[in-house]
Amino acid sequence: MPNAEKRPEAFPAWGSLPDFGLYMDQLLTFTERCFPGEVTAGMINSYVKAGIIRRPEGKKYSREALAQLLMVCGLKAATPLDSLRRLLRAGEDPDTAALYESFRRDWAELHESLPARADMDALRCAISAACYQARCRELLEARNAGGQDEA
């Protein structure tokens, strides 16, 4: 059953991620512990092919690829795949550790700022999500227009 809430604890600290290569089955096992039922081998292969997560070296996925996959799990429901590639900058060899820790901090901060379920209105929540998605597209388009994104 998918982890609909995606609590901050679902994203282990960078230092808790394995610092050695993982085979596909190990990557799936780790990801399943964080996000039950949300990732398949086919999805991972698609993310690699789309340039969203790093390619395995040999048949082993790096710590960076695992961190990118965890971020994808958090963002995929609300973010189109082409935007994920640009947001995670998988092909640019970014400082994945810093990006991942920033992602974790922001996720925890935003999750904490959400109103209690009893105080939330589903329609208002959906409208907020749509507004944030639109702003994200604007920011990515501006980044791309400014030459700050790889094509």
C-alpha atoms as a PDB file:
ATOM      1  CA  MET A   1       0.000   0.000   0.000  1.00  0.00           C
ATOM      2  CA  PRO A   2       1.513   3.392  -0.981  1.00  0.00           C
ATOM      3  CA  ASN A   3       2.663   5.716   1.775  1.00  0.00           C
ATOM      4  CA  ALA A   4       0.244   8.544   1.013  1.00  0.00           C
ATOM      5  CA  GLU A   5       1.565  10.911   3.661  1.00  0.00           C
ATOM      6  CA  LYS A   6       5.259  10.617   2.874  1.00  0.00           C
ATOM      7  CA  ARG A   7       6.339  11.775   6.300  1.00  0.00           C
ATOM      8  CA  PRO A   8       9.807  13.306   6.703  1.00  0.00           C
ATOM      9  CA  GLU A   9      11.037  10.055   8.303  1.00  0.00           C
ATOM     10  CA  ALA A  10      10.613   8.379   4.914  1.00  0.00           C
ATOM     11  CA  PHE A  11      13.759  10.171   3.773  1.00  0.00           C
ATOM     12  CA  PRO A  12      16.763   8.772   5.678  1.00  0.00           C
ATOM     13  CA  ALA A  13      19.700  11.079   6.319  1.00  0.00           C
ATOM     14  CA  TRP A  14      22.452  11.050   3.685  1.00  0.00           C
ATOM     15  CA  GLY A  15      24.808   9.341   6.133  1.00  0.00           C
ATOM     16  CA  SER A  16      22.273   6.527   6.585  1.00  0.00           C
ATOM     17  CA  LEU A  17      22.222   5.708   2.873  1.00  0.00           C
ATOM     18  CA  PRO A  18      24.528   2.852   1.848  1.00  0.00           C
ATOM     19  CA  ASP A  19      27.866   4.189   0.604  1.00  0.00           C
ATOM     20  CA  PHE A  20      28.452   1.189  -1.654  1.00  0.00           C
ATOM     21  CA  GLY A  21      26.829   0.106  -4.910  1.00  0.00           C
ATOM     22  CA  LEU A  22      23.446  -1.590  -4.776  1.00  0.00           C
ATOM     23  CA  TYR A  23      22.102  -4.129  -7.229  1.00  0.00           C
ATOM     24  CA  MET A  24      18.569  -3.544  -8.507  1.00  0.00           C
ATOM     25  CA  ASP A  25      16.990  -5.942  -5.989  1.00  0.00           C
ATOM     26  CA  GLN A  26      18.807  -4.214  -3.108  1.00  0.00           C
ATOM     27  CA  LEU A  27      17.753  -0.787  -4.403  1.00  0.00           C
ATOM     28  CA  LEU A  28      14.149  -1.987  -4.544  1.00  0.00           C
ATOM     29  CA  THR A  29      14.351  -3.443  -1.027  1.00  0.00           C
ATOM     30  CA  PHE A  30      15.727  -0.186   0.408  1.00  0.00           C
ATOM     31  CA  THR A  31      13.158   1.925  -1.421  1.00  0.00           C
ATOM     32  CA  GLU A  32      10.331  -0.418  -0.401  1.00  0.00           C
ATOM     33  CA  ARG A  33      11.170   0.219   3.256  1.00  0.00           C
ATOM     34  CA  CYS A  34      10.734   3.957   2.727  1.00  0.00           C
ATOM     35  CA  PHE A  35       7.879   3.928   0.219  1.00  0.00           C
ATOM     36  CA  PRO A  36       6.000   0.613   0.244  1.00  0.00           C
ATOM     37  CA  GLY A  37       4.534  -0.366  -3.102  1.00  0.00           C
ATOM     38  CA  GLU A  38       5.635   2.733  -4.978  1.00  0.00           C
ATOM     39  CA  VAL A  39       8.608   1.632  -7.093  1.00  0.00           C
ATOM     40  CA  THR A  40       9.246  -1.205  -9.529  1.00  0.00           C
ATOM     41  CA  ALA A  41      12.337  -2.237 -11.472  1.00  0.00           C
ATOM     42  CA  GLY A  42      10.624  -1.027 -14.643  1.00  0.00           C
ATOM     43  CA  MET A  43      10.084   2.411 -13.132  1.00  0.00           C
ATOM     44  CA  ILE A  44      13.727   2.647 -12.085  1.00  0.00           C
ATOM     45  CA  ASN A  45      14.831   1.677 -15.584  1.00  0.00           C
ATOM     46  CA  SER A  46      12.528   4.358 -17.006  1.00  0.00           C
ATOM     47  CA  TYR A  47      13.943   6.982 -14.639  1.00  0.00           C
ATOM     48  CA  VAL A  48      17.477   6.063 -15.683  1.00  0.00           C
ATOM     49  CA  LYS A  49      16.553   6.157 -19.366  1.00  0.00           C
ATOM     50  CA  ALA A  50      14.887   9.567 -18.915  1.00  0.00           C
ATOM     51  CA  GLY A  51      17.993  10.932 -17.162  1.00  0.00           C
ATOM     52  CA  ILE A  52      16.181  11.444 -13.860  1.00  0.00           C
ATOM     53  CA  ILE A  53      18.479   9.229 -11.814  1.00  0.00           C
ATOM     54  CA  ARG A  54      22.071   8.260 -12.430  1.00  0.00           C
ATOM     55  CA  ARG A  55      22.918   5.234 -14.490  1.00  0.00           C
ATOM     56  CA  PRO A  56      24.275   2.242 -12.620  1.00  0.00           C
ATOM     57  CA  GLU A  57      27.978   1.573 -12.851  1.00  0.00           C
ATOM     58  CA  GLY A  58      28.133  -1.972 -14.048  1.00  0.00           C
ATOM     59  CA  LYS A  59      24.960  -3.247 -12.450  1.00  0.00           C
ATOM     60  CA  LYS A  60      25.325  -1.274  -9.225  1.00  0.00           C
ATOM     61  CA  TYR A  61      23.465   1.887  -8.310  1.00  0.00           C
ATOM     62  CA  SER A  62      25.341   4.541  -6.336  1.00  0.00           C
ATOM     63  CA  ARG A  63      24.325   6.336  -3.175  1.00  0.00           C
ATOM     64  CA  GLU A  64      23.595   9.337  -5.402  1.00  0.00           C
ATOM     65  CA  ALA A  65      21.181   7.287  -7.525  1.00  0.00           C
ATOM     66  CA  LEU A  66      19.422   6.038  -4.376  1.00  0.00           C
ATOM     67  CA  ALA A  67      19.044   9.593  -3.056  1.00  0.00           C
ATOM     68  CA  GLN A  68      17.689  10.725  -6.427  1.00  0.00           C
ATOM     69  CA  LEU A  69      15.243   7.803  -6.431  1.00  0.00           C
ATOM     70  CA  LEU A  70      14.004   8.692  -2.944  1.00  0.00           C
ATOM     71  CA  MET A  71      13.452  12.298  -4.033  1.00  0.00           C
ATOM     72  CA  VAL A  72      11.571  11.042  -7.095  1.00  0.00           C
ATOM     73  CA  CYS A  73       9.340   8.963  -4.813  1.00  0.00           C
ATOM     74  CA  GLY A  74       8.481  12.097  -2.880  1.00  0.00           C
ATOM     75  CA  LEU A  75       7.872  14.279  -5.909  1.00  0.00           C
ATOM     76  CA  LYS A  76       6.520  12.019  -8.652  1.00  0.00           C
ATOM     77  CA  ALA A  77       2.828  12.307  -7.782  1.00  0.00           C
ATOM     78  CA  ALA A  78       2.863  16.079  -8.205  1.00  0.00           C
ATOM     79  CA  THR A  79       5.737  16.679 -10.619  1.00  0.00           C
ATOM     80  CA  PRO A  80       5.969  15.732 -14.310  1.00  0.00           C
ATOM     81  CA  LEU A  81       8.948  13.548 -15.258  1.00  0.00           C
ATOM     82  CA  ASP A  82      10.602  16.211 -17.431  1.00  0.00           C
ATOM     83  CA  SER A  83      10.493  18.585 -14.461  1.00  0.00           C
ATOM     84  CA  LEU A  84      11.959  15.925 -12.168  1.00  0.00           C
ATOM     85  CA  ARG A  85      14.978  15.597 -14.455  1.00  0.00           C
ATOM     86  CA  ARG A  86      15.585  19.328 -14.342  1.00  0.00           C
ATOM     87  CA  LEU A  87      14.962  19.623 -10.612  1.00  0.00           C
ATOM     88  CA  LEU A  88      17.284  16.761  -9.671  1.00  0.00           C
ATOM     89  CA  ARG A  89      19.912  17.668 -12.284  1.00  0.00           C
ATOM     90  CA  ALA A  90      20.966  14.023 -12.624  1.00  0.00           C
ATOM     91  CA  GLY A  91      23.052  14.644 -15.735  1.00  0.00           C
ATOM     92  CA  GLU A  92      24.948  17.631 -14.362  1.00  0.00           C
ATOM     93  CA  ASP A  93      26.876  15.806 -11.631  1.00  0.00           C
ATOM     94  CA  PRO A  94      25.572  18.094  -8.851  1.00  0.00           C
ATOM     95  CA  ASP A  95      26.498  17.780  -5.209  1.00  0.00           C
ATOM     96  CA  THR A  96      23.821  15.161  -4.637  1.00  0.00           C
ATOM     97  CA  ALA A  97      24.488  14.990  -0.898  1.00  0.00           C
ATOM     98  CA  ALA A  98      23.796  18.719  -0.486  1.00  0.00           C
ATOM     99  CA  LEU A  99      20.770  18.584  -2.784  1.00  0.00           C
ATOM    100  CA  TYR A 100      19.341  15.582  -0.920  1.00  0.00           C
ATOM    101  CA  GLU A 101      19.878  17.095   2.539  1.00  0.00           C
ATOM    102  CA  SER A 102      18.311  20.360   1.370  1.00  0.00           C
ATOM    103  CA  PHE A 103      15.381  18.340   0.001  1.00  0.00           C
ATOM    104  CA  ARG A 104      14.997  16.539   3.355  1.00  0.00           C
ATOM    105  CA  ARG A 105      15.070  19.805   5.322  1.00  0.00           C
ATOM    106  CA  ASP A 106      12.556  21.489   3.018  1.00  0.00           C
ATOM    107  CA  TRP A 107      10.269  18.432   3.040  1.00  0.00           C
ATOM    108  CA  ALA A 108      10.294  18.283   6.843  1.00  0.00           C
ATOM    109  CA  GLU A 109       9.719  22.046   7.159  1.00  0.00           C
ATOM    110  CA  LEU A 110       6.827  22.086   4.696  1.00  0.00           C
ATOM    111  CA  HIS A 111       5.309  18.912   6.148  1.00  0.00           C
ATOM    112  CA  GLU A 112       5.452  20.445   9.622  1.00  0.00           C
ATOM    113  CA  SER A 113       3.755  23.627   8.396  1.00  0.00           C
ATOM    114  CA  LEU A 114       0.724  21.758   7.025  1.00  0.00           C
ATOM    115  CA  PRO A 115      -2.492  22.283   8.961  1.00  0.00           C
ATOM    116  CA  ALA A 116      -3.834  19.341  10.948  1.00  0.00           C
ATOM    117  CA  ARG A 117      -6.001  16.991   8.876  1.00  0.00           C
ATOM    118  CA  ALA A 118      -9.111  18.117  10.735  1.00  0.00           C
ATOM    119  CA  ASP A 119      -8.385  21.702   9.675  1.00  0.00           C
ATOM    120  CA  MET A 120      -7.760  20.933   6.006  1.00  0.00           C
ATOM    121  CA  ASP A 121     -10.207  21.207   3.143  1.00  0.00           C
ATOM    122  CA  ALA A 122      -9.476  18.754   0.312  1.00  0.00           C
ATOM    123  CA  LEU A 123     -10.381  21.206  -2.462  1.00  0.00           C
ATOM    124  CA  ARG A 124      -8.222  23.968  -0.983  1.00  0.00           C
ATOM    125  CA  CYS A 125      -5.376  21.468  -0.657  1.00  0.00           C
ATOM    126  CA  ALA A 126      -5.740  20.487  -4.346  1.00  0.00           C
ATOM    127  CA  ILE A 127      -5.833  24.150  -5.387  1.00  0.00           C
ATOM    128  CA  SER A 128      -2.682  24.851  -3.366  1.00  0.00           C
ATOM    129  CA  ALA A 129      -0.935  21.905  -5.021  1.00  0.00           C
ATOM    130  CA  ALA A 130      -1.941  23.126  -8.485  1.00  0.00           C
ATOM    131  CA  CYS A 131      -0.713  26.642  -7.716  1.00  0.00           C
ATOM    132  CA  TYR A 132       2.619  25.306  -6.490  1.00  0.00           C
ATOM    133  CA  GLN A 133       2.926  23.127  -9.616  1.00  0.00           C
ATOM    134  CA  ALA A 134       2.299  26.134 -11.841  1.00  0.00           C
ATOM    135  CA  ARG A 135       4.922  28.169  -9.972  1.00  0.00           C
ATOM    136  CA  CYS A 136       7.412  25.316 -10.257  1.00  0.00           C
ATOM    137  CA  ARG A 137       6.880  25.212 -14.054  1.00  0.00           C
ATOM    138  CA  GLU A 138       7.433  28.991 -14.217  1.00  0.00           C
ATOM    139  CA  LEU A 139      10.665  28.723 -12.239  1.00  0.00           C
ATOM    140  CA  LEU A 140      11.956  25.851 -14.378  1.00  0.00           C
ATOM    141  CA  GLU A 141      11.083  27.719 -17.582  1.00  0.00           C
ATOM    142  CA  ALA A 142      12.906  30.806 -16.305  1.00  0.00           C
ATOM    143  CA  ARG A 143      15.926  28.676 -15.378  1.00  0.00           C
ATOM    144  CA  ASN A 144      15.894  27.087 -18.824  1.00  0.00           C
ATOM    145  CA  ALA A 145      15.517  30.449 -20.578  1.00  0.00           C
ATOM    146  CA  GLY A 146      18.441  31.798 -18.575  1.00  0.00           C
ATOM    147  CA  GLY A 147      20.683  28.955 -19.747  1.00  0.00           C
ATOM    148  CA  GLN A 148      20.894  27.495 -16.243  1.00  0.00           C
ATOM    149  CA  ASP A 149      19.526  24.109 -17.329  1.00  0.00           C
ATOM    150  CA  GLU A 150      20.984  21.399 -19.481  1.00  0.00           C
ATOM    151  CA  ALA A 151      18.848  20.728 -22.559  1.00  0.00           C
END
